[in-house]
């Protein structure tokens, strides 16, 4: 009977069933008891133990590969959120010279706009109205873009190319937005994901890619393509680049730079709102979510990738996301790094990287580089 159990466990090991690991532990105790009671000999126990170790080693290797795959994918999905947030910063900080510390609050506005659409259409766990989430996408973009336009008109337009002043002013604006939202909604709300975002796609044994995070990756790629098309392939994109490279020359050639400023800031703010919209299906929504979770990492993405460079945002966002999720679960003896020490280590790595490449992965070229 004991031999039959071991054969079954070996078959589970060949199937890469991680449930067999718990059964192996109980089986070890069982054969120890059988040896002590005299039901099996010491030589039999040694033979059983060797077979158990072989199955355990195989399953441990499979478990490590599953955990590594999961961490890599979580890193990619987290990096996709950072890319969405950093795209807006790449516009406002990289192209306009404004350090917008309220950018995280624009992410939060997008998340709460998604929540309002959910309430309006009556989506809940018991009453699925899945199309609410598709409607919430343009609503989140427009809500954050409107708040960004108001911020630009009242505060930011006086502070272009004055980084320190813009940092202080937008930091104060961010706190005002947090308190206003807290007064309206309280400290925490719940956004119910659409039913199609639940579950995942199993690509191999025990390696499951959640549909929600796959959607985030697709959303991030779409926004990158959208912003690239606007900046590189449209007349307004040409005016944006001309204004940011040489504002006085653009004005002398008849460019309405104030309209360009408004449009640029609105686009950057709207994409931040899309980031908040996307986050609602994988994370919690709170009034201080932007400043607490994203603003520091998104600035790191922009600086590491190269100020104002879309390719830099793409590569550094994915890189920082993956590194974050690979570092956090690392263990050294009984010590697990965790999120807090993971941030510290990541920051140290980025600081060391910037020492060697101060301009980031993709440094600005031409007159943009001279202006910076």
Protein backbone atom coordinates (compact mmCIF):
# COMPACT_ATOMS: atom_id res chain seq x y z
CA UNK A 1 0.00 0.00 0.00
CA UNK A 2 2.85 2.40 0.85
CA UNK A 3 4.54 1.62 -2.44
CA UNK A 4 1.32 2.26 -4.33
CA UNK A 5 0.98 5.68 -2.67
CA UNK A 6 4.50 6.55 -3.73
CA UNK A 7 3.80 5.48 -7.30
CA UNK A 8 0.76 7.76 -7.37
CA UNK A 9 2.87 10.65 -6.01
CA UNK A 10 5.49 10.01 -8.69
CA UNK A 11 2.78 10.15 -11.34
CA UNK A 12 1.57 13.46 -9.89
CA UNK A 13 5.15 14.69 -10.05
CA UNK A 14 5.36 13.78 -13.73
CA UNK A 15 2.17 15.82 -14.25
CA UNK A 16 3.80 18.80 -12.46
CA UNK A 17 0.98 18.91 -9.93
CA UNK A 18 1.98 21.32 -7.16
CA UNK A 19 -0.70 19.83 -4.92
CA UNK A 20 1.59 16.81 -4.55
CA UNK A 21 4.08 18.86 -2.49
CA UNK A 22 1.77 18.90 0.54
CA UNK A 23 1.11 15.17 0.14
CA UNK A 24 4.85 14.49 0.01
CA UNK A 25 5.31 16.15 3.41
CA UNK A 26 2.59 13.99 4.97
CA UNK A 27 4.02 10.90 3.25
CA UNK A 28 7.45 11.56 4.80
CA UNK A 29 5.88 11.56 8.26
CA UNK A 30 4.00 8.40 7.39
CA UNK A 31 7.10 6.40 6.40
CA UNK A 32 8.93 7.64 9.51
CA UNK A 33 6.07 6.32 11.63
CA UNK A 34 6.04 3.02 9.74
CA UNK A 35 9.78 2.58 10.31
CA UNK A 36 9.43 3.28 14.04
CA UNK A 37 6.54 0.83 14.33
CA UNK A 38 8.53 -1.83 12.47
CA UNK A 39 6.14 -2.03 9.51
CA UNK A 40 8.97 -1.28 7.05
CA UNK A 41 12.72 -1.79 7.27
CA UNK A 42 15.33 0.96 7.36
CA UNK A 43 16.53 0.03 3.87
CA UNK A 44 12.96 0.34 2.53
CA UNK A 45 12.64 3.74 4.21
CA UNK A 46 15.90 4.92 2.58
CA UNK A 47 14.64 3.77 -0.82
CA UNK A 48 11.33 5.55 -0.30
CA UNK A 49 13.15 8.70 0.84
CA UNK A 50 15.32 8.80 -2.29
CA UNK A 51 12.28 8.50 -4.54
CA UNK A 52 10.49 11.20 -2.55
CA UNK A 53 13.48 13.55 -2.84
CA UNK A 54 13.54 13.05 -6.60
CA UNK A 55 9.83 13.93 -6.92
CA UNK A 56 10.22 16.85 -4.51
CA UNK A 57 13.19 18.29 -6.42
CA UNK A 58 11.28 18.07 -9.71
CA UNK A 59 8.21 19.78 -8.26
CA UNK A 60 10.32 22.46 -6.55
CA UNK A 61 11.93 23.32 -9.87
CA UNK A 62 8.49 23.55 -11.47
CA UNK A 63 7.23 25.72 -8.59
CA UNK A 64 10.19 28.09 -8.98
CA UNK A 65 9.58 28.42 -12.73
CA UNK A 66 5.86 29.09 -12.13
CA UNK A 67 6.64 31.77 -9.53
CA UNK A 68 9.23 33.36 -11.83
CA UNK A 69 6.75 33.43 -14.73
CA UNK A 70 4.08 34.93 -12.49
CA UNK A 71 6.43 37.62 -11.18
CA UNK A 72 7.58 38.48 -14.70
CA UNK A 73 4.02 38.89 -15.91
CA UNK A 74 2.99 40.92 -12.85
CA UNK A 75 6.03 43.08 -13.48
CA UNK A 76 5.00 43.62 -17.10
CA UNK A 77 1.45 44.55 -16.11
CA UNK A 78 2.66 46.91 -13.37
CA UNK A 79 5.11 48.38 -15.87
CA UNK A 80 2.23 48.96 -18.29
CA UNK A 81 0.49 51.09 -15.62
CA UNK A 82 3.73 53.03 -15.05
CA UNK A 83 3.99 53.60 -18.80
CA UNK A 84 0.46 55.01 -18.93
CA UNK A 85 1.24 57.42 -16.08
CA UNK A 86 4.69 58.30 -17.36
CA UNK A 87 3.36 59.06 -20.86
CA UNK A 88 1.53 62.05 -19.40
CA UNK A 89 4.63 63.08 -17.46
CA UNK A 90 6.75 62.74 -20.57
CA UNK A 91 4.51 65.38 -22.14
CA UNK A 92 4.16 67.79 -19.22
CA UNK A 93 7.65 67.34 -17.74
CA UNK A 94 9.68 66.28 -20.74
CA UNK A 95 8.22 68.58 -23.37
CA UNK A 96 6.81 71.48 -21.36
CA UNK A 97 9.35 71.79 -18.55
CA UNK A 98 6.66 71.49 -15.84
CA UNK A 99 7.16 69.21 -12.83
CA UNK A 100 3.54 68.32 -12.16
CA UNK A 101 3.37 66.81 -8.67
CA UNK A 102 -0.42 66.63 -9.03
CA UNK A 103 -0.07 64.13 -11.89
CA UNK A 104 -0.85 61.26 -9.51
CA UNK A 105 -4.08 62.99 -8.55
CA UNK A 106 -5.07 63.09 -12.22
CA UNK A 107 -4.67 59.30 -12.19
CA UNK A 108 -6.97 59.25 -9.17
CA UNK A 109 -9.55 61.40 -11.01
CA UNK A 110 -9.67 58.82 -13.81
CA UNK A 111 -10.27 56.03 -11.29
CA UNK A 112 -13.12 57.90 -9.59
CA UNK A 113 -14.65 58.78 -12.97
CA UNK A 114 -14.74 55.03 -13.67
CA UNK A 115 -16.46 54.51 -10.33
CA UNK A 116 -19.09 57.13 -11.19
CA UNK A 117 -19.85 55.42 -14.52
CA UNK A 118 -20.23 52.13 -12.65
CA UNK A 119 -22.76 53.74 -10.29
CA UNK A 120 -24.60 55.46 -13.14
CA UNK A 121 -25.07 52.25 -15.12
CA UNK A 122 -25.75 50.11 -12.04
CA UNK A 123 -22.94 47.59 -12.46
CA UNK A 124 -22.37 45.39 -9.39
CA UNK A 125 -21.29 41.88 -8.47
CA UNK A 126 -24.93 40.76 -8.62
CA UNK A 127 -25.92 42.81 -11.69
CA UNK A 128 -23.30 42.64 -14.43
CA UNK A 129 -23.37 45.58 -16.84
CA UNK A 130 -20.06 44.87 -18.54
CA UNK A 131 -20.25 47.61 -21.14
CA UNK A 132 -19.90 50.21 -18.35
CA UNK A 133 -16.15 49.65 -18.43
CA UNK A 134 -15.84 50.49 -22.11
CA UNK A 135 -17.93 53.64 -21.62
CA UNK A 136 -15.75 54.59 -18.65
CA UNK A 137 -12.61 54.79 -20.84
CA UNK A 138 -13.45 58.04 -22.69
CA UNK A 139 -15.16 59.41 -19.55
CA UNK A 140 -11.99 58.90 -17.48
CA UNK A 141 -9.88 60.51 -20.21
CA UNK A 142 -12.15 63.54 -20.52
CA UNK A 143 -12.57 63.98 -16.75
CA UNK A 144 -8.82 64.06 -16.11
CA UNK A 145 -8.24 66.21 -19.21
CA UNK A 146 -10.83 68.74 -17.93
CA UNK A 147 -9.20 68.90 -14.49
CA UNK A 148 -5.81 69.22 -16.18
CA UNK A 149 -7.07 72.09 -18.34
CA UNK A 150 -8.41 73.88 -15.27
CA UNK A 151 -5.08 73.37 -13.50
CA UNK A 152 -3.18 74.65 -16.54
CA UNK A 153 -5.36 77.74 -16.84
CA UNK A 154 -5.27 78.68 -13.16
CA UNK A 155 -1.74 77.64 -12.12
CA UNK A 156 0.58 75.96 -14.58
CA UNK A 157 0.50 78.47 -17.46
CA UNK A 158 2.40 80.95 -15.30
CA UNK A 159 5.16 78.43 -14.53
CA UNK A 160 6.37 77.00 -17.84
CA UNK A 161 10.11 76.22 -17.76
CA UNK A 162 10.19 77.06 -14.03
CA UNK A 163 10.54 73.57 -12.55
CA UNK A 164 10.92 74.46 -8.87
CA UNK A 165 7.93 76.81 -8.77
CA UNK A 166 5.77 74.37 -10.74
CA UNK A 167 6.74 71.56 -8.35
CA UNK A 168 5.61 73.51 -5.27
CA UNK A 169 2.42 74.87 -6.83
CA UNK A 170 1.21 71.54 -8.26
CA UNK A 171 2.09 69.77 -5.01
CA UNK A 172 -0.39 72.07 -3.28
CA UNK A 173 -2.99 71.52 -6.01
CA UNK A 174 -2.61 67.76 -5.54
CA UNK A 175 -3.41 68.01 -1.84
CA UNK A 176 -6.47 70.12 -2.59
CA UNK A 177 -7.74 67.47 -5.04
CA UNK A 178 -7.14 64.69 -2.51
CA UNK A 179 -9.14 66.46 0.18
CA UNK A 180 -11.99 67.33 -2.17
CA UNK A 181 -12.32 63.71 -3.27
CA UNK A 182 -12.05 62.49 0.33
CA UNK A 183 -14.89 64.80 1.38
CA UNK A 184 -17.07 63.46 -1.45
CA UNK A 185 -16.28 59.72 -1.37
CA UNK A 186 -14.55 58.94 1.92
CA UNK A 187 -11.31 56.98 2.19
CA UNK A 188 -12.06 53.91 0.12
CA UNK A 189 -14.41 52.75 -2.63
CA UNK A 190 -14.87 49.56 -4.61
CA UNK A 191 -14.88 49.26 -8.39
CA UNK A 192 -16.26 45.93 -9.59
CA UNK A 193 -14.38 44.57 -12.56
CA UNK A 194 -16.44 43.49 -15.58
CA UNK A 195 -17.04 39.76 -15.76
CA UNK A 196 -14.78 39.36 -18.81
CA UNK A 197 -11.83 40.65 -16.74
CA UNK A 198 -12.17 37.84 -14.20
CA UNK A 199 -10.20 34.64 -14.53
CA UNK A 200 -7.23 34.08 -16.77
CA UNK A 201 -5.65 32.25 -19.65
CA UNK A 202 -3.51 29.23 -18.72
CA UNK A 203 -0.59 29.08 -21.14
CA UNK A 204 1.02 26.07 -19.46
CA UNK A 205 0.68 24.01 -16.27
CA UNK A 206 -0.03 26.40 -13.33
CA UNK A 207 1.03 29.50 -15.33
CA UNK A 208 -2.10 31.65 -15.64
CA UNK A 209 -2.23 35.10 -17.23
CA UNK A 210 -5.15 37.09 -15.74
CA UNK A 211 -7.43 38.68 -18.33
CA UNK A 212 -7.41 41.97 -16.41
CA UNK A 213 -3.64 42.32 -16.67
CA UNK A 214 -3.66 41.29 -20.33
CA UNK A 215 -6.15 44.11 -20.90
CA UNK A 216 -3.80 46.52 -19.12
CA UNK A 217 -0.95 45.55 -21.45
CA UNK A 218 -3.16 46.08 -24.51
CA UNK A 219 -4.40 49.42 -23.13
CA UNK A 220 -0.85 50.60 -22.52
CA UNK A 221 0.27 49.66 -26.03
CA UNK A 222 -2.74 51.43 -27.54
CA UNK A 223 -2.00 54.65 -25.61
CA UNK A 224 1.67 54.59 -26.66
CA UNK A 225 0.62 54.23 -30.30
CA UNK A 226 -2.02 56.97 -29.88
CA UNK A 227 0.44 59.48 -28.40
CA UNK A 228 3.11 58.63 -30.97
CA UNK A 229 0.61 59.18 -33.78
CA UNK A 230 -0.48 62.56 -32.36
CA UNK A 231 3.06 63.87 -31.82
CA UNK A 232 4.72 62.49 -34.96
CA UNK A 233 1.98 62.19 -37.57
CA UNK A 234 -0.42 65.11 -37.10
CA UNK A 235 -0.29 68.85 -37.65
CA UNK A 236 -0.96 69.50 -33.97
CA UNK A 237 1.97 67.23 -33.10
CA UNK A 238 4.20 69.29 -35.36
CA UNK A 239 3.03 72.48 -33.61
CA UNK A 240 3.68 70.88 -30.20
CA UNK A 241 7.24 69.99 -31.14
CA UNK A 242 7.87 73.40 -32.65
CA UNK A 243 6.53 75.21 -29.59
CA UNK A 244 8.53 73.15 -27.13
CA UNK A 245 11.76 73.48 -29.10
CA UNK A 246 11.57 77.25 -29.65
CA UNK A 247 8.46 79.02 -28.33
CA UNK A 248 9.46 82.51 -29.55
CA UNK A 249 10.21 81.34 -33.07
CA UNK A 250 6.92 79.42 -33.21
CA UNK A 251 5.01 82.51 -32.10
CA UNK A 252 6.71 84.65 -34.73
CA UNK A 253 5.60 82.15 -37.38
CA UNK A 254 1.97 82.47 -36.30
CA UNK A 255 1.60 79.45 -34.02
CA UNK A 256 -1.00 80.03 -31.29
CA UNK A 257 1.19 78.73 -28.50
CA UNK A 258 -1.47 79.13 -25.80
CA UNK A 259 -3.76 76.72 -27.65
CA UNK A 260 -0.85 74.33 -28.09
CA UNK A 261 -0.08 74.51 -24.36
CA UNK A 262 -3.68 73.76 -23.45
CA UNK A 263 -3.96 70.85 -25.87
CA UNK A 264 -0.63 69.34 -24.75
CA UNK A 265 -1.44 69.54 -21.05
CA UNK A 266 -4.93 68.13 -21.66
CA UNK A 267 -3.52 65.14 -23.56
CA UNK A 268 -1.00 64.40 -20.80
CA UNK A 269 -3.67 64.73 -18.12
CA UNK A 270 -6.17 62.60 -20.05
CA UNK A 271 -3.71 59.72 -20.44
CA UNK A 272 -3.09 59.88 -16.67
CA UNK A 273 -6.86 59.43 -16.25
CA UNK A 274 -6.72 56.37 -18.51
CA UNK A 275 -4.04 54.93 -16.19
CA UNK A 276 -6.40 55.36 -13.23
CA UNK A 277 -9.21 53.75 -15.24
CA UNK A 278 -7.02 50.74 -15.99
CA UNK A 279 -5.84 50.38 -12.40
CA UNK A 280 -9.39 49.93 -11.10
CA UNK A 281 -9.57 46.32 -12.31
CA UNK A 282 -6.36 45.23 -10.56
CA UNK A 283 -6.00 47.47 -7.49
CA UNK A 284 -7.80 49.52 -4.88
CA UNK A 285 -9.00 53.10 -5.29
CA UNK A 286 -8.31 55.70 -2.59
CA UNK A 287 -8.01 59.52 -2.64
CA UNK A 288 -4.22 59.39 -2.14
CA UNK A 289 -3.55 56.48 -4.52
CA UNK A 290 -1.64 58.66 -7.00
CA UNK A 291 0.84 60.17 -4.57
CA UNK A 292 1.19 56.99 -2.52
CA UNK A 293 1.56 54.38 -5.25
CA UNK A 294 2.62 55.92 -8.53
CA UNK A 295 4.09 59.42 -8.65
CA UNK A 296 7.64 58.54 -7.52
CA UNK A 297 7.91 55.46 -9.76
CA UNK A 298 6.51 57.33 -12.76
CA UNK A 299 9.06 60.14 -12.37
CA UNK A 300 11.76 57.46 -12.17
CA UNK A 301 10.45 56.03 -15.46
CA UNK A 302 10.68 59.42 -17.19
CA UNK A 303 14.15 60.25 -15.84
CA UNK A 304 15.57 56.77 -16.47
CA UNK A 305 14.15 56.53 -19.98
CA UNK A 306 15.25 60.02 -21.05
CA UNK A 307 13.25 63.18 -20.54
CA UNK A 308 10.67 63.64 -23.29
CA UNK A 309 11.48 60.36 -25.08
CA UNK A 310 8.55 58.00 -25.74
CA UNK A 311 10.82 55.04 -26.47
CA UNK A 312 12.57 55.66 -23.15
CA UNK A 313 9.24 55.66 -21.31
CA UNK A 314 8.32 52.34 -22.90
CA UNK A 315 11.57 50.52 -22.09
CA UNK A 316 12.18 52.01 -18.65
CA UNK A 317 8.54 51.51 -17.60
CA UNK A 318 8.61 47.81 -18.41
CA UNK A 319 12.10 47.46 -16.93
CA UNK A 320 11.22 49.14 -13.63
CA UNK A 321 7.96 47.18 -13.38
CA UNK A 322 9.69 43.84 -13.91
CA UNK A 323 12.57 44.66 -11.56
CA UNK A 324 10.11 45.71 -8.85
CA UNK A 325 8.22 42.42 -8.98
CA UNK A 326 11.42 40.33 -9.18
CA UNK A 327 13.11 42.05 -6.23
CA UNK A 328 10.16 42.08 -3.78
CA UNK A 329 9.78 38.28 -3.29
CA UNK A 330 13.53 37.62 -2.89
CA UNK A 331 14.55 35.88 0.32
CA UNK A 332 17.87 35.83 2.16
CA UNK A 333 17.57 33.25 4.89
CA UNK A 334 14.55 34.22 6.99
CA UNK A 335 14.46 37.77 5.58
CA UNK A 336 12.09 38.59 2.72
CA UNK A 337 12.77 41.88 0.94
CA UNK A 338 9.14 42.93 0.50
CA UNK A 339 7.71 46.12 -1.05
CA UNK A 340 9.45 48.67 1.21
CA UNK A 341 13.00 47.37 0.88
CA UNK A 342 12.26 46.58 -2.76
CA UNK A 343 11.66 50.30 -3.40
CA UNK A 344 14.89 51.17 -1.58
CA UNK A 345 16.95 48.70 -3.63
CA UNK A 346 15.30 49.79 -6.88
CA UNK A 347 16.02 53.44 -6.13
CA UNK A 348 19.67 52.63 -5.37
CA UNK A 349 19.96 50.76 -8.70
CA UNK A 350 18.44 53.69 -10.62
CA UNK A 351 20.67 56.25 -8.88
CA UNK A 352 23.72 54.15 -9.81
CA UNK A 353 22.45 53.90 -13.41
CA UNK A 354 21.97 57.67 -13.68
CA UNK A 355 25.55 58.19 -12.56
CA UNK A 356 26.69 56.44 -15.74
CA UNK A 357 23.95 57.77 -18.06
CA UNK A 358 22.71 61.12 -16.72
CA UNK A 359 20.51 61.68 -19.80
CA UNK A 360 18.76 58.30 -19.43
CA UNK A 361 18.42 55.41 -21.86
CA UNK A 362 17.49 57.67 -24.79
CA UNK A 363 19.02 61.12 -24.50
CA UNK A 364 17.37 64.11 -26.26
CA UNK A 365 18.97 65.24 -29.52
CA UNK A 366 19.26 68.51 -31.38
CA UNK A 367 17.71 71.73 -30.13
CA UNK A 368 15.64 69.90 -27.50
CA UNK A 369 18.84 68.67 -25.90
CA UNK A 370 20.38 72.16 -26.03
CA UNK A 371 17.31 73.66 -24.35
CA UNK A 372 17.50 71.11 -21.57
